[in-house]
Amino acid sequence: MYMLEITGLRKRYGTVDAVRGIDLSIHPGEIFGLLGSNGAGKTSTINMITGLISPDAGTILFKGIDCIPNRTRSKQSMGTVPDENNLYDEMTGFENLCFCASLYGIRKHQ
């Protein structure tokens, strides 16, 4: 089983093809990166994998879970590091962590 398996992933914004049929398979323990110029579709791809936006076509399996109909369940098993600081200054680091985890259905005690 692959850790991440993507087939035929597509995303279109109006008349612009942001992602044009990505096929990708990652084995457990592998390290990978998405590289490309601005506008290549890297952020759209990550946003589809993490369930922030819906693909127009294709499948995304993470640990065997179909991410598209099971967004909450799949998001509970993955983490991302954003390129922007999304922390609230008035919250402690732990409070920010709990807040972000709650967005993925993870309770504070977990």
C-alpha atoms as a PDB file:
ATOM      1  CA  MET A   1       0.000   0.000   0.000  1.00  0.00           C
ATOM      2  CA  TYR A   2       1.147   3.521  -0.746  1.00  0.00           C
ATOM      3  CA  MET A   3       1.179   6.264   1.873  1.00  0.00           C
ATOM      4  CA  LEU A   4      -0.165   8.671  -0.748  1.00  0.00           C
ATOM      5  CA  GLU A   5      -1.581   7.740  -4.129  1.00  0.00           C
ATOM      6  CA  ILE A   6      -2.939  10.354  -6.522  1.00  0.00           C
ATOM      7  CA  THR A   7      -4.401   9.576  -9.929  1.00  0.00           C
ATOM      8  CA  GLY A   8      -5.682  11.959 -12.564  1.00  0.00           C
ATOM      9  CA  LEU A   9      -5.858  14.943 -10.202  1.00  0.00           C
ATOM     10  CA  ARG A  10      -7.216  18.084 -11.868  1.00  0.00           C
ATOM     11  CA  LYS A  11      -8.205  21.576 -10.744  1.00  0.00           C
ATOM     12  CA  ARG A  12      -9.462  24.402 -12.915  1.00  0.00           C
ATOM     13  CA  TYR A  13     -10.110  28.032 -11.950  1.00  0.00           C
ATOM     14  CA  GLY A  14     -12.328  29.519 -14.640  1.00  0.00           C
ATOM     15  CA  THR A  15     -10.467  28.965 -17.903  1.00  0.00           C
ATOM     16  CA  VAL A  16      -7.105  28.258 -16.220  1.00  0.00           C
ATOM     17  CA  ASP A  17      -5.919  24.686 -15.650  1.00  0.00           C
ATOM     18  CA  ALA A  18      -4.077  24.938 -12.328  1.00  0.00           C
ATOM     19  CA  VAL A  19      -3.478  21.176 -12.030  1.00  0.00           C
ATOM     20  CA  ARG A  20      -3.564  19.016 -15.152  1.00  0.00           C
ATOM     21  CA  GLY A  21      -3.854  15.327 -14.338  1.00  0.00           C
ATOM     22  CA  ILE A  22      -1.231  14.590 -11.683  1.00  0.00           C
ATOM     23  CA  ASP A  23      -0.370  10.946 -11.014  1.00  0.00           C
ATOM     24  CA  LEU A  24       1.798  10.379  -7.931  1.00  0.00           C
ATOM     25  CA  SER A  25       2.573   7.417  -5.652  1.00  0.00           C
ATOM     26  CA  ILE A  26       4.565   7.767  -2.425  1.00  0.00           C
ATOM     27  CA  HIS A  27       5.671   4.756  -0.353  1.00  0.00           C
ATOM     28  CA  PRO A  28       5.728   4.873   3.465  1.00  0.00           C
ATOM     29  CA  GLY A  29       9.006   6.414   4.656  1.00  0.00           C
ATOM     30  CA  GLU A  30       9.746   8.193   1.384  1.00  0.00           C
ATOM     31  CA  ILE A  31      10.484  11.903   1.390  1.00  0.00           C
ATOM     32  CA  PHE A  32       9.225  13.957  -1.524  1.00  0.00           C
ATOM     33  CA  GLY A  33       8.804  17.570  -2.507  1.00  0.00           C
ATOM     34  CA  LEU A  34       6.725  19.476  -4.994  1.00  0.00           C
ATOM     35  CA  LEU A  35       8.902  21.783  -7.041  1.00  0.00           C
ATOM     36  CA  GLY A  36       7.895  24.194  -9.747  1.00  0.00           C
ATOM     37  CA  SER A  37       7.633  27.791 -10.768  1.00  0.00           C
ATOM     38  CA  ASN A  38       4.945  30.160  -9.517  1.00  0.00           C
ATOM     39  CA  GLY A  39       1.585  29.094 -10.904  1.00  0.00           C
ATOM     40  CA  ALA A  40       2.648  25.489 -11.475  1.00  0.00           C
ATOM     41  CA  GLY A  41      -0.131  24.135  -9.230  1.00  0.00           C
ATOM     42  CA  LYS A  42       1.871  23.172  -6.124  1.00  0.00           C
ATOM     43  CA  THR A  43      -0.375  24.977  -3.626  1.00  0.00           C
ATOM     44  CA  SER A  44      -3.561  23.808  -5.338  1.00  0.00           C
ATOM     45  CA  THR A  45      -2.278  20.221  -5.195  1.00  0.00           C
ATOM     46  CA  ILE A  46      -1.451  20.445  -1.473  1.00  0.00           C
ATOM     47  CA  ASN A  47      -4.800  22.114  -0.780  1.00  0.00           C
ATOM     48  CA  MET A  48      -6.603  19.259  -2.523  1.00  0.00           C
ATOM     49  CA  ILE A  49      -4.596  16.611  -0.648  1.00  0.00           C
ATOM     50  CA  THR A  50      -5.381  18.271   2.679  1.00  0.00           C
ATOM     51  CA  GLY A  51      -9.050  18.781   1.829  1.00  0.00           C
ATOM     52  CA  LEU A  52      -9.022  22.575   1.751  1.00  0.00           C
ATOM     53  CA  ILE A  53     -10.331  22.623  -1.821  1.00  0.00           C
ATOM     54  CA  SER A  54     -12.103  20.019  -3.929  1.00  0.00           C
ATOM     55  CA  PRO A  55     -10.558  18.613  -7.085  1.00  0.00           C
ATOM     56  CA  ASP A  56     -12.472  18.751 -10.336  1.00  0.00           C
ATOM     57  CA  ALA A  57     -11.338  15.227 -11.196  1.00  0.00           C
ATOM     58  CA  GLY A  58      -9.106  12.452  -9.904  1.00  0.00           C
ATOM     59  CA  THR A  59      -8.597  10.459  -6.736  1.00  0.00           C
ATOM     60  CA  ILE A  60      -6.497  11.006  -3.618  1.00  0.00           C
ATOM     61  CA  LEU A  61      -5.794   8.081  -1.299  1.00  0.00           C
ATOM     62  CA  PHE A  62      -3.894   8.742   1.943  1.00  0.00           C
ATOM     63  CA  LYS A  63      -3.088   5.577   3.917  1.00  0.00           C
ATOM     64  CA  GLY A  64      -5.790   3.878   1.866  1.00  0.00           C
ATOM     65  CA  ILE A  65      -8.439   6.441   2.816  1.00  0.00           C
ATOM     66  CA  ASP A  66     -10.206   8.201  -0.050  1.00  0.00           C
ATOM     67  CA  CYS A  67      -9.577  11.835   0.907  1.00  0.00           C
ATOM     68  CA  ILE A  68     -12.330  13.361  -1.199  1.00  0.00           C
ATOM     69  CA  PRO A  69     -15.424  11.877   0.507  1.00  0.00           C
ATOM     70  CA  ASN A  70     -13.601  11.348   3.834  1.00  0.00           C
ATOM     71  CA  ARG A  71     -11.965  14.746   4.366  1.00  0.00           C
ATOM     72  CA  THR A  72     -12.195  14.828   8.161  1.00  0.00           C
ATOM     73  CA  ARG A  73     -10.935  11.277   8.627  1.00  0.00           C
ATOM     74  CA  SER A  74      -7.999  11.715   6.237  1.00  0.00           C
ATOM     75  CA  LYS A  75      -7.015  15.133   7.647  1.00  0.00           C
ATOM     76  CA  GLN A  76      -6.718  13.619  11.132  1.00  0.00           C
ATOM     77  CA  SER A  77      -3.826  11.480   9.873  1.00  0.00           C
ATOM     78  CA  MET A  78      -1.762  14.166   8.147  1.00  0.00           C
ATOM     79  CA  GLY A  79      -0.052  17.418   8.939  1.00  0.00           C
ATOM     80  CA  THR A  80       1.218  20.323   6.910  1.00  0.00           C
ATOM     81  CA  VAL A  81       3.539  23.203   7.635  1.00  0.00           C
ATOM     82  CA  PRO A  82       2.187  26.410   6.082  1.00  0.00           C
ATOM     83  CA  ASP A  83       4.554  28.904   4.507  1.00  0.00           C
ATOM     84  CA  GLU A  84       2.876  31.727   6.422  1.00  0.00           C
ATOM     85  CA  ASN A  85       2.615  32.359  10.156  1.00  0.00           C
ATOM     86  CA  ASN A  86      -1.020  31.718  11.008  1.00  0.00           C
ATOM     87  CA  LEU A  87      -0.583  31.898  14.781  1.00  0.00           C
ATOM     88  CA  TYR A  88      -2.587  34.284  16.894  1.00  0.00           C
ATOM     89  CA  ASP A  89      -0.361  36.525  19.031  1.00  0.00           C
ATOM     90  CA  GLU A  90      -2.764  36.506  21.972  1.00  0.00           C
ATOM     91  CA  MET A  91      -2.677  32.686  22.196  1.00  0.00           C
ATOM     92  CA  THR A  92       0.133  30.536  23.605  1.00  0.00           C
ATOM     93  CA  GLY A  93       1.866  27.996  21.382  1.00  0.00           C
ATOM     94  CA  PHE A  94      -0.142  25.183  22.980  1.00  0.00           C
ATOM     95  CA  GLU A  95      -3.407  27.073  22.503  1.00  0.00           C
ATOM     96  CA  ASN A  96      -2.566  27.637  18.832  1.00  0.00           C
ATOM     97  CA  LEU A  97      -1.764  23.940  18.447  1.00  0.00           C
ATOM     98  CA  CYS A  98      -5.080  22.949  20.058  1.00  0.00           C
ATOM     99  CA  PHE A  99      -6.966  25.417  17.877  1.00  0.00           C
ATOM    100  CA  CYS A 100      -5.393  24.136  14.660  1.00  0.00           C
ATOM    101  CA  ALA A 101      -5.940  20.518  15.721  1.00  0.00           C
ATOM    102  CA  SER A 102      -9.619  21.251  16.399  1.00  0.00           C
ATOM    103  CA  LEU A 103      -9.996  22.279  12.745  1.00  0.00           C
ATOM    104  CA  TYR A 104      -9.150  18.679  11.866  1.00  0.00           C
ATOM    105  CA  GLY A 105     -11.501  17.148  14.443  1.00  0.00           C
ATOM    106  CA  ILE A 106      -8.761  16.376  16.962  1.00  0.00           C
ATOM    107  CA  ARG A 107      -9.729  17.007  20.573  1.00  0.00           C
ATOM    108  CA  LYS A 108      -7.489  18.747  23.122  1.00  0.00           C
ATOM    109  CA  HIS A 109      -6.866  15.606  25.198  1.00  0.00           C
ATOM    110  CA  GLN A 110      -5.530  13.809  22.122  1.00  0.00           C
END
